């Protein structure tokens, strides 16, 4: 089990919390909540060790278009990068109606 932390620049506040996905075989859960300030904090708790660079690349791709100030927690059970991006986008949809 590995815990990773990342921080990204943000330009705007978000409206509400969001919870999407479930922790299960090859899937993940994303919890998103508003955060004061000009940054987003991402914490990843993953069952697969040694993939910090891959997580960083996926999150950088997501934050190249997303600019919300949020605290995001990801609980991963071996999801693919495509699934990670899908769940993050779903959380944004729920959190920003």
C-alpha atoms as a PDB file:
ATOM      1  CA  UNK A   1       0.000   0.000   0.000  1.00  0.00           C
ATOM      2  CA  UNK A   2       1.468   3.349  -1.036  1.00  0.00           C
ATOM      3  CA  UNK A   3       0.367   6.903  -0.188  1.00  0.00           C
ATOM      4  CA  UNK A   4       1.219   9.662  -2.675  1.00  0.00           C
ATOM      5  CA  UNK A   5       0.655  13.424  -2.385  1.00  0.00           C
ATOM      6  CA  UNK A   6       0.530  16.015  -5.165  1.00  0.00           C
ATOM      7  CA  UNK A   7      -0.329  19.704  -5.421  1.00  0.00           C
ATOM      8  CA  UNK A   8      -1.485  21.684  -8.462  1.00  0.00           C
ATOM      9  CA  UNK A   9      -2.230  25.348  -9.154  1.00  0.00           C
ATOM     10  CA  UNK A  10      -5.919  26.326  -9.184  1.00  0.00           C
ATOM     11  CA  UNK A  11      -7.744  29.466 -10.301  1.00  0.00           C
ATOM     12  CA  UNK A  12     -11.279  29.078  -8.979  1.00  0.00           C
ATOM     13  CA  UNK A  13     -13.360  27.653  -6.181  1.00  0.00           C
ATOM     14  CA  UNK A  14     -15.738  24.752  -6.638  1.00  0.00           C
ATOM     15  CA  UNK A  15     -19.317  24.513  -5.433  1.00  0.00           C
ATOM     16  CA  UNK A  16     -19.707  21.234  -3.559  1.00  0.00           C
ATOM     17  CA  UNK A  17     -18.369  17.849  -2.586  1.00  0.00           C
ATOM     18  CA  UNK A  18     -18.463  14.815  -4.834  1.00  0.00           C
ATOM     19  CA  UNK A  19     -18.018  11.058  -4.383  1.00  0.00           C
ATOM     20  CA  UNK A  20     -17.755   8.721  -7.370  1.00  0.00           C
ATOM     21  CA  UNK A  21     -16.653   5.138  -7.900  1.00  0.00           C
ATOM     22  CA  UNK A  22     -15.991   2.334  -5.459  1.00  0.00           C
ATOM     23  CA  UNK A  23     -12.846   0.683  -4.256  1.00  0.00           C
ATOM     24  CA  UNK A  24     -12.876  -2.736  -5.838  1.00  0.00           C
ATOM     25  CA  UNK A  25     -10.945  -4.963  -8.166  1.00  0.00           C
ATOM     26  CA  UNK A  26      -9.278  -2.766 -10.813  1.00  0.00           C
ATOM     27  CA  UNK A  27     -11.336   0.319  -9.904  1.00  0.00           C
ATOM     28  CA  UNK A  28     -11.092   3.347  -7.658  1.00  0.00           C
ATOM     29  CA  UNK A  29     -13.000   5.875  -5.592  1.00  0.00           C
ATOM     30  CA  UNK A  30     -12.620   9.657  -5.889  1.00  0.00           C
ATOM     31  CA  UNK A  31     -13.635  12.065  -3.143  1.00  0.00           C
ATOM     32  CA  UNK A  32     -13.576  15.741  -4.091  1.00  0.00           C
ATOM     33  CA  UNK A  33     -14.275  18.673  -1.779  1.00  0.00           C
ATOM     34  CA  UNK A  34     -13.869  22.445  -2.000  1.00  0.00           C
ATOM     35  CA  UNK A  35     -10.593  23.879  -0.744  1.00  0.00           C
ATOM     36  CA  UNK A  36      -9.798  27.523   0.038  1.00  0.00           C
ATOM     37  CA  UNK A  37      -6.823  29.013  -1.725  1.00  0.00           C
ATOM     38  CA  UNK A  38      -5.164  28.816  -5.098  1.00  0.00           C
ATOM     39  CA  UNK A  39      -4.229  25.162  -5.274  1.00  0.00           C
ATOM     40  CA  UNK A  40      -5.570  21.637  -5.419  1.00  0.00           C
ATOM     41  CA  UNK A  41      -4.287  18.882  -3.149  1.00  0.00           C
ATOM     42  CA  UNK A  42      -4.410  15.281  -4.322  1.00  0.00           C
ATOM     43  CA  UNK A  43      -3.789  12.281  -2.104  1.00  0.00           C
ATOM     44  CA  UNK A  44      -3.610   8.830  -3.672  1.00  0.00           C
ATOM     45  CA  UNK A  45      -3.832   5.679  -1.568  1.00  0.00           C
ATOM     46  CA  UNK A  46      -3.019   2.813  -3.923  1.00  0.00           C
ATOM     47  CA  UNK A  47      -2.639  -0.923  -3.557  1.00  0.00           C
ATOM     48  CA  UNK A  48       0.000  -0.915  -6.302  1.00  0.00           C
ATOM     49  CA  UNK A  49       3.436   0.311  -5.199  1.00  0.00           C
ATOM     50  CA  UNK A  50       6.062   1.943  -7.409  1.00  0.00           C
ATOM     51  CA  UNK A  51       3.900   3.924  -9.833  1.00  0.00           C
ATOM     52  CA  UNK A  52       4.457   7.512  -8.611  1.00  0.00           C
ATOM     53  CA  UNK A  53       5.670   8.697 -12.034  1.00  0.00           C
ATOM     54  CA  UNK A  54       2.591   7.258 -13.760  1.00  0.00           C
ATOM     55  CA  UNK A  55       0.264   8.847 -11.198  1.00  0.00           C
ATOM     56  CA  UNK A  56       2.047  12.156 -11.647  1.00  0.00           C
ATOM     57  CA  UNK A  57       1.637  11.987 -15.444  1.00  0.00           C
ATOM     58  CA  UNK A  58      -2.080  11.139 -15.242  1.00  0.00           C
ATOM     59  CA  UNK A  59      -2.754  13.905 -12.731  1.00  0.00           C
ATOM     60  CA  UNK A  60      -0.751  16.455 -14.716  1.00  0.00           C
ATOM     61  CA  UNK A  61      -2.847  15.579 -17.752  1.00  0.00           C
ATOM     62  CA  UNK A  62      -6.060  16.070 -15.749  1.00  0.00           C
ATOM     63  CA  UNK A  63      -4.908  19.379 -14.258  1.00  0.00           C
ATOM     64  CA  UNK A  64      -3.852  20.687 -17.661  1.00  0.00           C
ATOM     65  CA  UNK A  65      -7.573  21.382 -18.207  1.00  0.00           C
ATOM     66  CA  UNK A  66      -9.012  21.427 -14.671  1.00  0.00           C
ATOM     67  CA  UNK A  67      -8.375  24.503 -12.517  1.00  0.00           C
ATOM     68  CA  UNK A  68     -10.598  24.008  -9.466  1.00  0.00           C
ATOM     69  CA  UNK A  69      -9.323  24.480  -5.924  1.00  0.00           C
ATOM     70  CA  UNK A  70     -10.147  21.117  -4.394  1.00  0.00           C
ATOM     71  CA  UNK A  71      -8.965  18.475  -1.989  1.00  0.00           C
ATOM     72  CA  UNK A  72      -9.091  15.198  -3.897  1.00  0.00           C
ATOM     73  CA  UNK A  73      -8.654  11.793  -2.314  1.00  0.00           C
ATOM     74  CA  UNK A  74      -8.213   8.780  -4.550  1.00  0.00           C
ATOM     75  CA  UNK A  75      -8.474   5.251  -3.179  1.00  0.00           C
ATOM     76  CA  UNK A  76      -7.117   2.942  -5.864  1.00  0.00           C
ATOM     77  CA  UNK A  77      -7.383  -0.808  -6.314  1.00  0.00           C
ATOM     78  CA  UNK A  78      -5.345  -1.116  -9.509  1.00  0.00           C
ATOM     79  CA  UNK A  79      -7.303   1.087 -11.940  1.00  0.00           C
ATOM     80  CA  UNK A  80      -5.926   1.903 -15.375  1.00  0.00           C
ATOM     81  CA  UNK A  81      -4.987   5.506 -16.268  1.00  0.00           C
ATOM     82  CA  UNK A  82      -8.123   5.768 -18.423  1.00  0.00           C
ATOM     83  CA  UNK A  83     -10.307   4.800 -15.489  1.00  0.00           C
ATOM     84  CA  UNK A  84      -8.538   7.337 -13.266  1.00  0.00           C
ATOM     85  CA  UNK A  85      -9.263  10.148 -15.732  1.00  0.00           C
ATOM     86  CA  UNK A  86     -12.874   8.989 -16.135  1.00  0.00           C
ATOM     87  CA  UNK A  87     -13.494   8.995 -12.373  1.00  0.00           C
ATOM     88  CA  UNK A  88     -11.841  12.409 -11.947  1.00  0.00           C
ATOM     89  CA  UNK A  89     -14.032  13.868 -14.691  1.00  0.00           C
ATOM     90  CA  UNK A  90     -17.115  12.278 -13.118  1.00  0.00           C
ATOM     91  CA  UNK A  91     -16.242  13.846  -9.770  1.00  0.00           C
ATOM     92  CA  UNK A  92     -15.920  17.255 -11.419  1.00  0.00           C
ATOM     93  CA  UNK A  93     -19.363  16.844 -13.046  1.00  0.00           C
ATOM     94  CA  UNK A  94     -20.943  15.988  -9.700  1.00  0.00           C
ATOM     95  CA  UNK A  95     -19.076  18.724  -7.801  1.00  0.00           C
ATOM     96  CA  UNK A  96     -19.815  21.464 -10.317  1.00  0.00           C
ATOM     97  CA  UNK A  97     -23.448  21.151 -11.403  1.00  0.00           C
END
